[in-house]
C-alpha cells in the first residue's frame, strides 16, 4: 500500500486502489468519500466551517474552509468517473481541543453534517466532536477507516491550537512570506 499524508487545507483524490490516505485531526474535520463502483475516492481536511469569499487573511487558501473543501472533493471524484448517487461518505474530527475557548471543532462537525444533509447525501459513518485528536487512515480499496484517538497532553494541544488561531486572525499582506519556528 502507498500512503499519502494530507494536512489542513489539503485534499487528495485517486483511482489507485492500493492507496491509504492519512491525516491527523484536532478541531479540523476530514471527509472520506468514494464511489466503490467507479473505484475512485479521496479525503479532504478542513479547518473552519465556511467562508463566502474563500480568503484566508489577505491570501486565498479556500480549501481550509469546509464549504470549498467539500465541493472540491466531491467534484474531483465526479470528474474522475464517480457518481454522486453512489458516494460513500465518512466524516471524522471536530474535537473541542481547547477546554476554555473556541468551539470551532464542534462548529466544523455541525457544518459537515448540515452540508451533507442539505445536499441530500447520506453519511455512512461518523466519529465527530469529543475532546481528543484523531489519526485517520482511509483505505480506498475497501473504504475501511482506521481511527486512533490520540490522548495527548491536553495543555500542549490547547497551547498549539491557541497559537495557530492567533496566527490566522493576524492579517498578512498579499505576497508576503511568513517564517515559522
N, C-alpha and C. Protein backbone atom coordinates (compact mmCIF):
# COMPACT_ATOMS: atom_id res chain seq x y z
N UNK A 1 0.83 -1.19 0.00
CA UNK A 1 0.00 0.00 0.00
C UNK A 1 0.88 1.25 0.00
N UNK A 2 0.48 2.22 -0.80
CA UNK A 2 1.14 3.52 -0.81
C UNK A 2 0.38 4.43 0.14
N UNK A 3 1.09 5.16 1.01
CA UNK A 3 0.46 6.05 1.97
C UNK A 3 0.64 7.50 1.53
N UNK A 4 -0.46 8.23 1.49
CA UNK A 4 -0.47 9.66 1.17
C UNK A 4 -0.92 10.39 2.42
N UNK A 5 -0.11 11.34 2.89
CA UNK A 5 -0.47 12.12 4.08
C UNK A 5 -0.96 13.49 3.62
N UNK A 6 -2.13 13.88 4.13
CA UNK A 6 -2.64 15.22 3.83
C UNK A 6 -2.74 16.02 5.13
N UNK A 7 -2.61 17.33 4.99
CA UNK A 7 -2.69 18.22 6.13
C UNK A 7 -3.83 19.21 5.98
N UNK A 8 -3.94 20.15 6.89
CA UNK A 8 -5.01 21.15 6.83
C UNK A 8 -5.03 21.89 5.51
N UNK A 9 -6.21 22.04 4.95
CA UNK A 9 -6.37 22.76 3.69
C UNK A 9 -6.01 21.95 2.47
N UNK A 10 -5.81 20.64 2.63
CA UNK A 10 -5.42 19.80 1.50
C UNK A 10 -6.50 18.75 1.23
N UNK A 11 -6.43 18.17 0.05
CA UNK A 11 -7.27 17.03 -0.29
C UNK A 11 -6.51 16.17 -1.29
N UNK A 12 -6.95 14.92 -1.44
CA UNK A 12 -6.31 14.00 -2.37
C UNK A 12 -7.39 13.09 -2.93
N UNK A 13 -7.41 12.94 -4.25
CA UNK A 13 -8.37 12.08 -4.94
C UNK A 13 -7.59 11.20 -5.90
N UNK A 14 -7.97 9.91 -5.97
CA UNK A 14 -7.27 8.99 -6.85
C UNK A 14 -8.17 7.84 -7.26
N UNK A 15 -7.77 7.17 -8.35
CA UNK A 15 -8.40 5.93 -8.80
C UNK A 15 -7.55 4.73 -8.38
N UNK A 16 -6.39 4.97 -7.81
CA UNK A 16 -5.49 3.88 -7.41
C UNK A 16 -6.00 3.25 -6.12
N UNK A 17 -6.38 2.01 -6.19
CA UNK A 17 -6.97 1.31 -5.06
C UNK A 17 -5.95 0.93 -3.99
N UNK A 18 -4.69 0.89 -4.33
CA UNK A 18 -3.66 0.49 -3.36
C UNK A 18 -3.17 1.65 -2.51
N UNK A 19 -3.97 2.70 -2.39
CA UNK A 19 -3.60 3.90 -1.65
C UNK A 19 -4.32 3.96 -0.31
N UNK A 20 -3.57 4.38 0.71
CA UNK A 20 -4.13 4.71 2.02
C UNK A 20 -3.86 6.19 2.25
N UNK A 21 -4.90 6.95 2.59
CA UNK A 21 -4.75 8.39 2.86
C UNK A 21 -4.81 8.58 4.36
N UNK A 22 -3.86 9.35 4.89
CA UNK A 22 -3.71 9.52 6.33
C UNK A 22 -3.74 11.00 6.68
N UNK A 23 -4.37 11.32 7.81
CA UNK A 23 -4.33 12.67 8.35
C UNK A 23 -4.51 12.61 9.86
N UNK A 24 -4.15 13.70 10.52
CA UNK A 24 -4.36 13.84 11.96
C UNK A 24 -5.25 15.06 12.17
N UNK A 25 -6.31 14.88 12.96
CA UNK A 25 -7.31 15.92 13.18
C UNK A 25 -7.41 16.29 14.65
N UNK A 26 -7.54 17.57 14.92
CA UNK A 26 -7.91 18.05 16.24
C UNK A 26 -9.31 18.63 16.09
N UNK A 27 -9.39 19.96 15.98
CA UNK A 27 -10.68 20.60 15.76
C UNK A 27 -11.08 20.55 14.29
N UNK A 28 -10.15 20.18 13.41
CA UNK A 28 -10.44 20.08 11.98
C UNK A 28 -11.35 18.88 11.70
N UNK A 29 -11.91 18.85 10.50
CA UNK A 29 -12.75 17.75 10.06
C UNK A 29 -12.21 17.22 8.74
N UNK A 30 -12.31 15.91 8.56
CA UNK A 30 -11.97 15.26 7.29
C UNK A 30 -13.17 14.47 6.80
N UNK A 31 -13.39 14.53 5.49
CA UNK A 31 -14.40 13.70 4.85
C UNK A 31 -13.68 12.68 3.98
N UNK A 32 -14.04 11.42 4.14
CA UNK A 32 -13.53 10.33 3.32
C UNK A 32 -14.68 9.93 2.39
N UNK A 33 -14.46 10.07 1.09
CA UNK A 33 -15.55 9.88 0.13
C UNK A 33 -15.05 8.99 -1.00
N UNK A 34 -15.89 8.01 -1.40
CA UNK A 34 -15.53 7.17 -2.53
C UNK A 34 -16.77 6.67 -3.25
N UNK A 35 -16.56 6.36 -4.52
CA UNK A 35 -17.56 5.65 -5.32
C UNK A 35 -17.00 4.24 -5.49
N UNK A 36 -17.54 3.25 -4.78
CA UNK A 36 -16.97 1.91 -4.82
C UNK A 36 -17.12 1.23 -6.19
N UNK A 37 -18.09 1.62 -6.99
CA UNK A 37 -18.28 1.03 -8.32
C UNK A 37 -17.26 1.59 -9.31
N UNK A 38 -17.10 2.91 -9.32
CA UNK A 38 -16.14 3.55 -10.22
C UNK A 38 -14.70 3.39 -9.75
N UNK A 39 -14.52 3.06 -8.48
CA UNK A 39 -13.17 2.86 -7.95
C UNK A 39 -12.38 4.14 -7.82
N UNK A 40 -13.05 5.20 -7.41
CA UNK A 40 -12.38 6.49 -7.21
C UNK A 40 -12.80 7.04 -5.85
N UNK A 41 -11.85 7.67 -5.16
CA UNK A 41 -12.17 8.24 -3.86
C UNK A 41 -11.10 9.17 -3.38
N UNK A 42 -11.35 9.77 -2.22
CA UNK A 42 -10.38 10.70 -1.67
C UNK A 42 -10.78 11.20 -0.30
N UNK A 43 -9.97 12.12 0.19
CA UNK A 43 -10.17 12.69 1.52
C UNK A 43 -9.82 14.17 1.47
N UNK A 44 -10.53 14.98 2.28
CA UNK A 44 -10.15 16.37 2.48
C UNK A 44 -9.87 16.59 3.97
N UNK A 45 -9.37 17.77 4.30
CA UNK A 45 -9.05 18.13 5.69
C UNK A 45 -9.26 19.64 5.79
N UNK A 46 -10.36 20.05 6.45
CA UNK A 46 -10.62 21.49 6.54
C UNK A 46 -10.60 21.98 7.98
N UNK A 47 -10.32 23.28 8.12
CA UNK A 47 -10.04 23.89 9.41
C UNK A 47 -11.17 24.73 9.96
N UNK A 48 -11.94 25.35 9.09
CA UNK A 48 -13.02 26.25 9.50
C UNK A 48 -14.26 25.91 8.69
N UNK A 49 -15.45 26.14 9.23
CA UNK A 49 -16.67 25.70 8.57
C UNK A 49 -16.88 26.27 7.17
N UNK A 50 -16.94 27.59 7.05
CA UNK A 50 -17.25 28.13 5.73
C UNK A 50 -16.84 29.58 5.61
N UNK A 51 -16.76 30.00 4.35
CA UNK A 51 -16.43 31.37 4.02
C UNK A 51 -17.14 31.72 2.72
N UNK A 52 -17.64 32.92 2.63
CA UNK A 52 -18.26 33.36 1.38
C UNK A 52 -17.22 33.66 0.32
N UNK A 53 -16.06 34.17 0.74
CA UNK A 53 -15.04 34.59 -0.21
C UNK A 53 -13.91 33.59 -0.41
N UNK A 54 -13.66 32.76 0.58
CA UNK A 54 -12.54 31.83 0.49
C UNK A 54 -11.21 32.48 0.82
N UNK A 55 -11.25 33.71 1.31
CA UNK A 55 -10.00 34.42 1.63
C UNK A 55 -9.53 34.03 3.03
N UNK A 56 -8.24 33.87 3.16
CA UNK A 56 -7.62 33.49 4.42
C UNK A 56 -6.61 34.59 4.72
N UNK A 57 -6.96 35.51 5.60
CA UNK A 57 -6.12 36.69 5.76
C UNK A 57 -6.21 37.46 4.46
N UNK A 58 -5.09 37.82 3.90
CA UNK A 58 -5.09 38.55 2.64
C UNK A 58 -4.83 37.63 1.46
N UNK A 59 -4.53 36.37 1.71
CA UNK A 59 -4.24 35.44 0.62
C UNK A 59 -5.35 34.39 0.53
N UNK A 60 -5.61 33.93 -0.68
CA UNK A 60 -6.64 32.92 -0.88
C UNK A 60 -6.09 31.54 -0.55
N UNK A 61 -6.78 30.84 0.30
CA UNK A 61 -6.46 29.46 0.64
C UNK A 61 -7.78 28.77 0.95
N UNK A 62 -8.67 28.79 -0.02
CA UNK A 62 -10.05 28.42 0.24
C UNK A 62 -10.26 26.97 0.67
N UNK A 63 -9.34 26.07 0.42
CA UNK A 63 -9.54 24.67 0.83
C UNK A 63 -9.48 24.51 2.34
N UNK A 64 -9.15 25.55 3.07
CA UNK A 64 -9.16 25.49 4.53
C UNK A 64 -10.58 25.62 5.07
N UNK A 65 -11.52 25.98 4.21
CA UNK A 65 -12.91 26.15 4.61
C UNK A 65 -13.74 24.95 4.14
N UNK A 66 -14.64 24.49 5.01
CA UNK A 66 -15.45 23.32 4.71
C UNK A 66 -16.26 23.41 3.44
N UNK A 67 -16.89 24.56 3.20
CA UNK A 67 -17.73 24.66 2.01
C UNK A 67 -16.92 24.49 0.73
N UNK A 68 -15.72 25.04 0.67
CA UNK A 68 -14.87 24.87 -0.51
C UNK A 68 -14.28 23.46 -0.56
N UNK A 69 -13.85 22.95 0.59
CA UNK A 69 -13.23 21.62 0.65
C UNK A 69 -14.20 20.52 0.24
N UNK A 70 -15.44 20.60 0.69
CA UNK A 70 -16.43 19.57 0.34
C UNK A 70 -16.77 19.62 -1.15
N UNK A 71 -17.01 20.81 -1.67
CA UNK A 71 -17.33 20.94 -3.10
C UNK A 71 -16.18 20.43 -3.97
N UNK A 72 -14.96 20.79 -3.62
CA UNK A 72 -13.80 20.39 -4.41
C UNK A 72 -13.62 18.89 -4.39
N UNK A 73 -13.70 18.27 -3.21
CA UNK A 73 -13.53 16.82 -3.10
C UNK A 73 -14.58 16.09 -3.93
N UNK A 74 -15.84 16.43 -3.75
CA UNK A 74 -16.92 15.74 -4.46
C UNK A 74 -16.80 15.97 -5.96
N UNK A 75 -16.53 17.18 -6.39
CA UNK A 75 -16.40 17.46 -7.82
C UNK A 75 -15.21 16.74 -8.45
N UNK A 76 -14.09 16.66 -7.72
CA UNK A 76 -12.92 15.95 -8.25
C UNK A 76 -13.20 14.46 -8.40
N UNK A 77 -13.94 13.89 -7.48
CA UNK A 77 -14.31 12.47 -7.57
C UNK A 77 -15.22 12.26 -8.78
N UNK A 78 -16.17 13.14 -8.98
CA UNK A 78 -17.08 13.02 -10.13
C UNK A 78 -16.33 13.23 -11.45
N UNK A 79 -15.35 14.12 -11.47
CA UNK A 79 -14.54 14.33 -12.68
C UNK A 79 -13.77 13.06 -13.08
N UNK A 80 -13.46 12.23 -12.10
CA UNK A 80 -12.72 11.00 -12.38
C UNK A 80 -13.64 9.79 -12.54
N UNK A 81 -14.93 10.04 -12.75
CA UNK A 81 -15.86 8.96 -13.06
C UNK A 81 -16.81 8.56 -11.95
N UNK A 82 -16.72 9.19 -10.80
CA UNK A 82 -17.62 8.88 -9.70
C UNK A 82 -19.02 9.40 -9.96
N UNK A 83 -19.97 8.74 -9.36
CA UNK A 83 -21.38 9.16 -9.47
C UNK A 83 -21.86 9.65 -8.11
N UNK A 84 -22.45 10.80 -8.09
CA UNK A 84 -22.93 11.40 -6.85
C UNK A 84 -23.89 10.46 -6.10
N UNK A 85 -24.70 9.72 -6.82
CA UNK A 85 -25.69 8.84 -6.18
C UNK A 85 -25.06 7.62 -5.51
N UNK A 86 -23.82 7.29 -5.85
CA UNK A 86 -23.17 6.11 -5.27
C UNK A 86 -22.13 6.45 -4.20
N UNK A 87 -21.96 7.71 -3.88
CA UNK A 87 -20.89 8.10 -2.98
C UNK A 87 -21.10 7.56 -1.56
N UNK A 88 -20.05 6.98 -1.04
CA UNK A 88 -20.00 6.51 0.34
C UNK A 88 -19.20 7.57 1.10
N UNK A 89 -19.80 8.14 2.15
CA UNK A 89 -19.20 9.28 2.84
C UNK A 89 -19.03 8.97 4.32
N UNK A 90 -17.80 9.21 4.80
CA UNK A 90 -17.49 9.02 6.21
C UNK A 90 -16.81 10.30 6.70
N UNK A 91 -17.21 10.80 7.87
CA UNK A 91 -16.67 12.07 8.37
C UNK A 91 -16.12 11.91 9.79
N UNK A 92 -15.04 12.64 10.06
CA UNK A 92 -14.31 12.49 11.31
C UNK A 92 -13.77 13.83 11.79
N UNK A 93 -13.55 13.95 13.10
CA UNK A 93 -12.89 15.11 13.67
C UNK A 93 -13.85 16.02 14.41
N UNK A 94 -13.46 17.29 14.48
CA UNK A 94 -14.28 18.29 15.13
C UNK A 94 -14.22 18.25 16.65
N UNK A 95 -13.08 17.86 17.19
CA UNK A 95 -12.94 17.80 18.65
C UNK A 95 -12.88 19.20 19.25
N UNK A 96 -13.28 19.28 20.49
CA UNK A 96 -13.12 20.53 21.24
C UNK A 96 -11.78 20.42 21.95
N UNK A 97 -10.77 20.99 21.32
CA UNK A 97 -9.40 20.83 21.79
C UNK A 97 -9.02 21.80 22.89
N UNK A 98 -9.69 22.95 22.95
CA UNK A 98 -9.37 23.94 23.97
C UNK A 98 -10.46 23.95 25.02
N UNK A 99 -10.10 23.60 26.23
CA UNK A 99 -11.09 23.49 27.31
C UNK A 99 -11.80 24.81 27.58
N UNK A 100 -11.08 25.92 27.48
CA UNK A 100 -11.67 27.23 27.78
C UNK A 100 -11.60 28.11 26.54
N UNK A 101 -12.29 27.73 25.51
CA UNK A 101 -12.14 28.56 24.33
C UNK A 101 -13.12 28.22 23.24
N UNK A 102 -12.63 28.44 22.04
CA UNK A 102 -13.46 28.34 20.85
C UNK A 102 -14.06 26.95 20.69
N UNK A 103 -15.24 26.95 20.17
CA UNK A 103 -15.94 25.71 19.85
C UNK A 103 -15.80 25.39 18.37
N UNK A 104 -14.68 25.78 17.78
CA UNK A 104 -14.51 25.64 16.33
C UNK A 104 -14.65 24.19 15.88
N UNK A 105 -14.18 23.24 16.68
CA UNK A 105 -14.31 21.84 16.31
C UNK A 105 -15.76 21.41 16.17
N UNK A 106 -16.57 21.79 17.13
CA UNK A 106 -17.99 21.43 17.07
C UNK A 106 -18.68 22.18 15.93
N UNK A 107 -18.25 23.41 15.65
CA UNK A 107 -18.82 24.16 14.52
C UNK A 107 -18.46 23.46 13.20
N UNK A 108 -17.24 22.94 13.10
CA UNK A 108 -16.84 22.18 11.90
C UNK A 108 -17.70 20.92 11.74
N UNK A 109 -17.92 20.21 12.85
CA UNK A 109 -18.74 19.00 12.82
C UNK A 109 -20.18 19.34 12.44
N UNK A 110 -20.73 20.39 13.04
CA UNK A 110 -22.08 20.83 12.70
C UNK A 110 -22.18 21.17 11.22
N UNK A 111 -21.15 21.87 10.72
CA UNK A 111 -21.15 22.28 9.32
C UNK A 111 -21.22 21.06 8.39
N UNK A 112 -20.32 20.09 8.59
CA UNK A 112 -20.26 18.97 7.65
C UNK A 112 -21.56 18.17 7.67
N UNK A 113 -22.16 18.00 8.84
CA UNK A 113 -23.44 17.29 8.90
C UNK A 113 -24.54 18.07 8.18
N UNK A 114 -24.60 19.38 8.42
CA UNK A 114 -25.62 20.22 7.77
C UNK A 114 -25.41 20.28 6.25
N UNK A 115 -24.16 20.40 5.84
CA UNK A 115 -23.83 20.45 4.41
C UNK A 115 -24.32 19.19 3.70
N UNK A 116 -23.97 18.03 4.26
CA UNK A 116 -24.34 16.76 3.63
C UNK A 116 -25.85 16.54 3.65
N UNK A 117 -26.50 16.97 4.72
CA UNK A 117 -27.96 16.86 4.78
C UNK A 117 -28.60 17.75 3.71
N UNK A 118 -28.11 18.99 3.58
CA UNK A 118 -28.66 19.91 2.58
C UNK A 118 -28.43 19.39 1.16
N UNK A 119 -27.33 18.67 0.95
CA UNK A 119 -27.02 18.11 -0.36
C UNK A 119 -27.68 16.75 -0.57
N UNK A 120 -28.47 16.30 0.43
CA UNK A 120 -29.16 15.01 0.39
C UNK A 120 -28.17 13.86 0.20
N UNK A 121 -27.06 13.92 0.94
CA UNK A 121 -26.02 12.90 0.86
C UNK A 121 -25.93 12.19 2.21
N UNK A 122 -26.02 10.88 2.19
CA UNK A 122 -26.03 10.05 3.39
C UNK A 122 -24.63 9.89 3.98
N UNK A 123 -24.52 10.00 5.29
CA UNK A 123 -23.26 9.74 5.99
C UNK A 123 -23.26 8.27 6.40
N UNK A 124 -22.32 7.50 5.86
CA UNK A 124 -22.22 6.07 6.15
C UNK A 124 -21.59 5.80 7.51
N UNK A 125 -20.66 6.67 7.93
CA UNK A 125 -20.00 6.52 9.23
C UNK A 125 -19.52 7.88 9.69
N UNK A 126 -19.50 8.06 11.02
CA UNK A 126 -19.04 9.33 11.57
C UNK A 126 -18.42 9.10 12.94
N UNK A 127 -17.44 9.92 13.25
CA UNK A 127 -16.84 9.97 14.58
C UNK A 127 -16.47 11.44 14.78
N UNK A 128 -17.42 12.21 15.29
CA UNK A 128 -17.30 13.67 15.37
C UNK A 128 -17.38 14.14 16.81
N UNK A 129 -16.82 15.32 17.02
CA UNK A 129 -16.84 16.04 18.30
C UNK A 129 -15.93 15.33 19.31
N UNK A 130 -16.24 15.39 20.57
CA UNK A 130 -15.37 14.80 21.58
C UNK A 130 -14.27 15.77 22.00
N UNK A 131 -13.25 15.23 22.66
CA UNK A 131 -12.18 16.08 23.22
C UNK A 131 -10.78 15.61 22.84
N UNK A 132 -10.66 14.68 21.91
CA UNK A 132 -9.33 14.13 21.60
C UNK A 132 -9.04 14.23 20.11
N UNK A 133 -7.76 14.43 19.82
CA UNK A 133 -7.31 14.40 18.44
C UNK A 133 -7.48 12.98 17.90
N UNK A 134 -7.51 12.87 16.58
CA UNK A 134 -7.68 11.56 15.93
C UNK A 134 -6.69 11.42 14.79
N UNK A 135 -6.19 10.22 14.62
CA UNK A 135 -5.42 9.86 13.43
C UNK A 135 -6.33 8.99 12.59
N UNK A 136 -6.49 9.35 11.31
CA UNK A 136 -7.38 8.66 10.40
C UNK A 136 -6.56 8.01 9.28
N UNK A 137 -6.82 6.74 9.01
CA UNK A 137 -6.24 6.03 7.87
C UNK A 137 -7.40 5.55 7.01
N UNK A 138 -7.47 6.02 5.78
CA UNK A 138 -8.57 5.69 4.88
C UNK A 138 -8.04 4.80 3.76
N UNK A 139 -8.54 3.56 3.70
CA UNK A 139 -8.12 2.58 2.71
C UNK A 139 -9.12 2.59 1.56
N UNK A 140 -8.67 3.05 0.40
CA UNK A 140 -9.58 3.22 -0.73
C UNK A 140 -10.07 1.89 -1.29
N UNK A 141 -9.29 0.84 -1.20
CA UNK A 141 -9.66 -0.43 -1.80
C UNK A 141 -10.99 -0.96 -1.27
N UNK A 142 -11.26 -0.76 0.01
CA UNK A 142 -12.49 -1.28 0.60
C UNK A 142 -13.27 -0.24 1.41
N UNK A 143 -12.79 0.99 1.46
CA UNK A 143 -13.48 2.05 2.19
C UNK A 143 -13.31 1.99 3.69
N UNK A 144 -12.46 1.07 4.15
CA UNK A 144 -12.25 0.90 5.59
C UNK A 144 -11.48 2.10 6.16
N UNK A 145 -11.89 2.51 7.35
CA UNK A 145 -11.20 3.60 8.05
C UNK A 145 -10.69 3.06 9.38
N UNK A 146 -9.42 3.31 9.63
CA UNK A 146 -8.85 3.00 10.95
C UNK A 146 -8.69 4.32 11.67
N UNK A 147 -9.19 4.37 12.90
CA UNK A 147 -9.20 5.60 13.69
C UNK A 147 -8.49 5.35 15.00
N UNK A 148 -7.59 6.24 15.34
CA UNK A 148 -6.91 6.18 16.63
C UNK A 148 -7.17 7.48 17.35
N UNK A 149 -7.84 7.42 18.52
CA UNK A 149 -7.99 8.61 19.35
C UNK A 149 -6.67 8.83 20.07
N UNK A 150 -6.14 10.02 19.93
CA UNK A 150 -4.83 10.34 20.49
C UNK A 150 -5.03 11.10 21.79
N UNK A 151 -4.80 10.44 22.88
CA UNK A 151 -4.99 11.05 24.20
C UNK A 151 -3.71 11.80 24.56
N UNK A 152 -3.58 12.97 23.98
CA UNK A 152 -2.39 13.79 24.12
C UNK A 152 -2.47 14.65 25.37
N UNK A 153 -1.36 15.23 25.72
CA UNK A 153 -1.31 16.20 26.81
C UNK A 153 -2.22 17.38 26.42
N UNK A 154 -3.36 17.49 27.08
CA UNK A 154 -4.38 18.48 26.71
C UNK A 154 -3.84 19.91 26.77
N UNK A 155 -3.00 20.21 27.74
CA UNK A 155 -2.45 21.57 27.86
C UNK A 155 -1.59 21.90 26.63
N UNK A 156 -0.81 20.93 26.16
CA UNK A 156 0.04 21.15 24.99
C UNK A 156 -0.83 21.37 23.73
N UNK A 157 -1.85 20.55 23.57
CA UNK A 157 -2.74 20.69 22.42
C UNK A 157 -3.45 22.04 22.46
N UNK A 158 -3.95 22.42 23.62
CA UNK A 158 -4.63 23.71 23.76
C UNK A 158 -3.70 24.85 23.39
N UNK A 159 -2.47 24.81 23.85
CA UNK A 159 -1.49 25.86 23.56
C UNK A 159 -1.20 25.91 22.05
N UNK A 160 -1.05 24.75 21.41
CA UNK A 160 -0.77 24.70 19.98
C UNK A 160 -1.92 25.27 19.17
N UNK A 161 -3.15 24.87 19.49
CA UNK A 161 -4.31 25.39 18.75
C UNK A 161 -4.51 26.87 19.00
N UNK A 162 -4.30 27.34 20.24
CA UNK A 162 -4.46 28.76 20.53
C UNK A 162 -3.44 29.57 19.71
N UNK A 163 -2.21 29.10 19.65
CA UNK A 163 -1.17 29.79 18.88
C UNK A 163 -1.55 29.82 17.40
N UNK A 164 -2.06 28.70 16.89
CA UNK A 164 -2.48 28.63 15.50
C UNK A 164 -3.61 29.63 15.21
N UNK A 165 -4.64 29.66 16.06
CA UNK A 165 -5.75 30.56 15.81
C UNK A 165 -5.34 32.01 15.95
N UNK A 166 -4.37 32.31 16.79
CA UNK A 166 -3.86 33.68 16.86
C UNK A 166 -3.19 34.08 15.55
N UNK A 167 -2.48 33.14 14.90
CA UNK A 167 -1.82 33.46 13.63
C UNK A 167 -2.82 33.67 12.51
N UNK A 168 -3.94 32.94 12.51
CA UNK A 168 -4.88 33.13 11.40
C UNK A 168 -5.73 34.38 11.57
N UNK A 169 -5.78 34.92 12.77
CA UNK A 169 -6.51 36.17 12.98
C UNK A 169 -5.69 37.37 12.55
N UNK A 170 -4.38 37.20 12.42
CA UNK A 170 -3.49 38.29 12.05
C UNK A 170 -3.47 38.43 10.53
N UNK A 171 -3.89 39.58 10.00
CA UNK A 171 -3.88 39.74 8.54
C UNK A 171 -2.45 39.80 8.01
N UNK A 172 -2.27 39.24 6.82
CA UNK A 172 -0.97 39.24 6.16
C UNK A 172 -1.10 39.97 4.84
N UNK A 173 -0.01 40.57 4.38
CA UNK A 173 0.00 41.23 3.09
C UNK A 173 0.00 40.19 1.98
N UNK A 174 -0.69 40.49 0.85
CA UNK A 174 -0.62 39.60 -0.31
C UNK A 174 0.83 39.46 -0.74
N UNK A 175 1.24 38.24 -1.00
CA UNK A 175 2.59 38.00 -1.47
C UNK A 175 3.64 37.99 -0.38
N UNK A 176 3.24 38.17 0.87
CA UNK A 176 4.23 38.18 1.94
C UNK A 176 4.68 36.76 2.25
N UNK A 177 5.81 36.66 2.90
CA UNK A 177 6.35 35.37 3.32
C UNK A 177 6.32 35.34 4.83
N UNK A 178 5.87 34.24 5.36
CA UNK A 178 5.80 34.07 6.81
C UNK A 178 6.73 32.93 7.20
N UNK A 179 7.62 33.19 8.12
CA UNK A 179 8.56 32.16 8.59
C UNK A 179 8.08 31.59 9.89
N UNK A 180 8.17 30.27 10.03
CA UNK A 180 7.74 29.58 11.24
C UNK A 180 8.95 29.07 11.98
N UNK A 181 8.85 29.03 13.33
CA UNK A 181 9.94 28.48 14.14
C UNK A 181 9.97 26.99 14.01
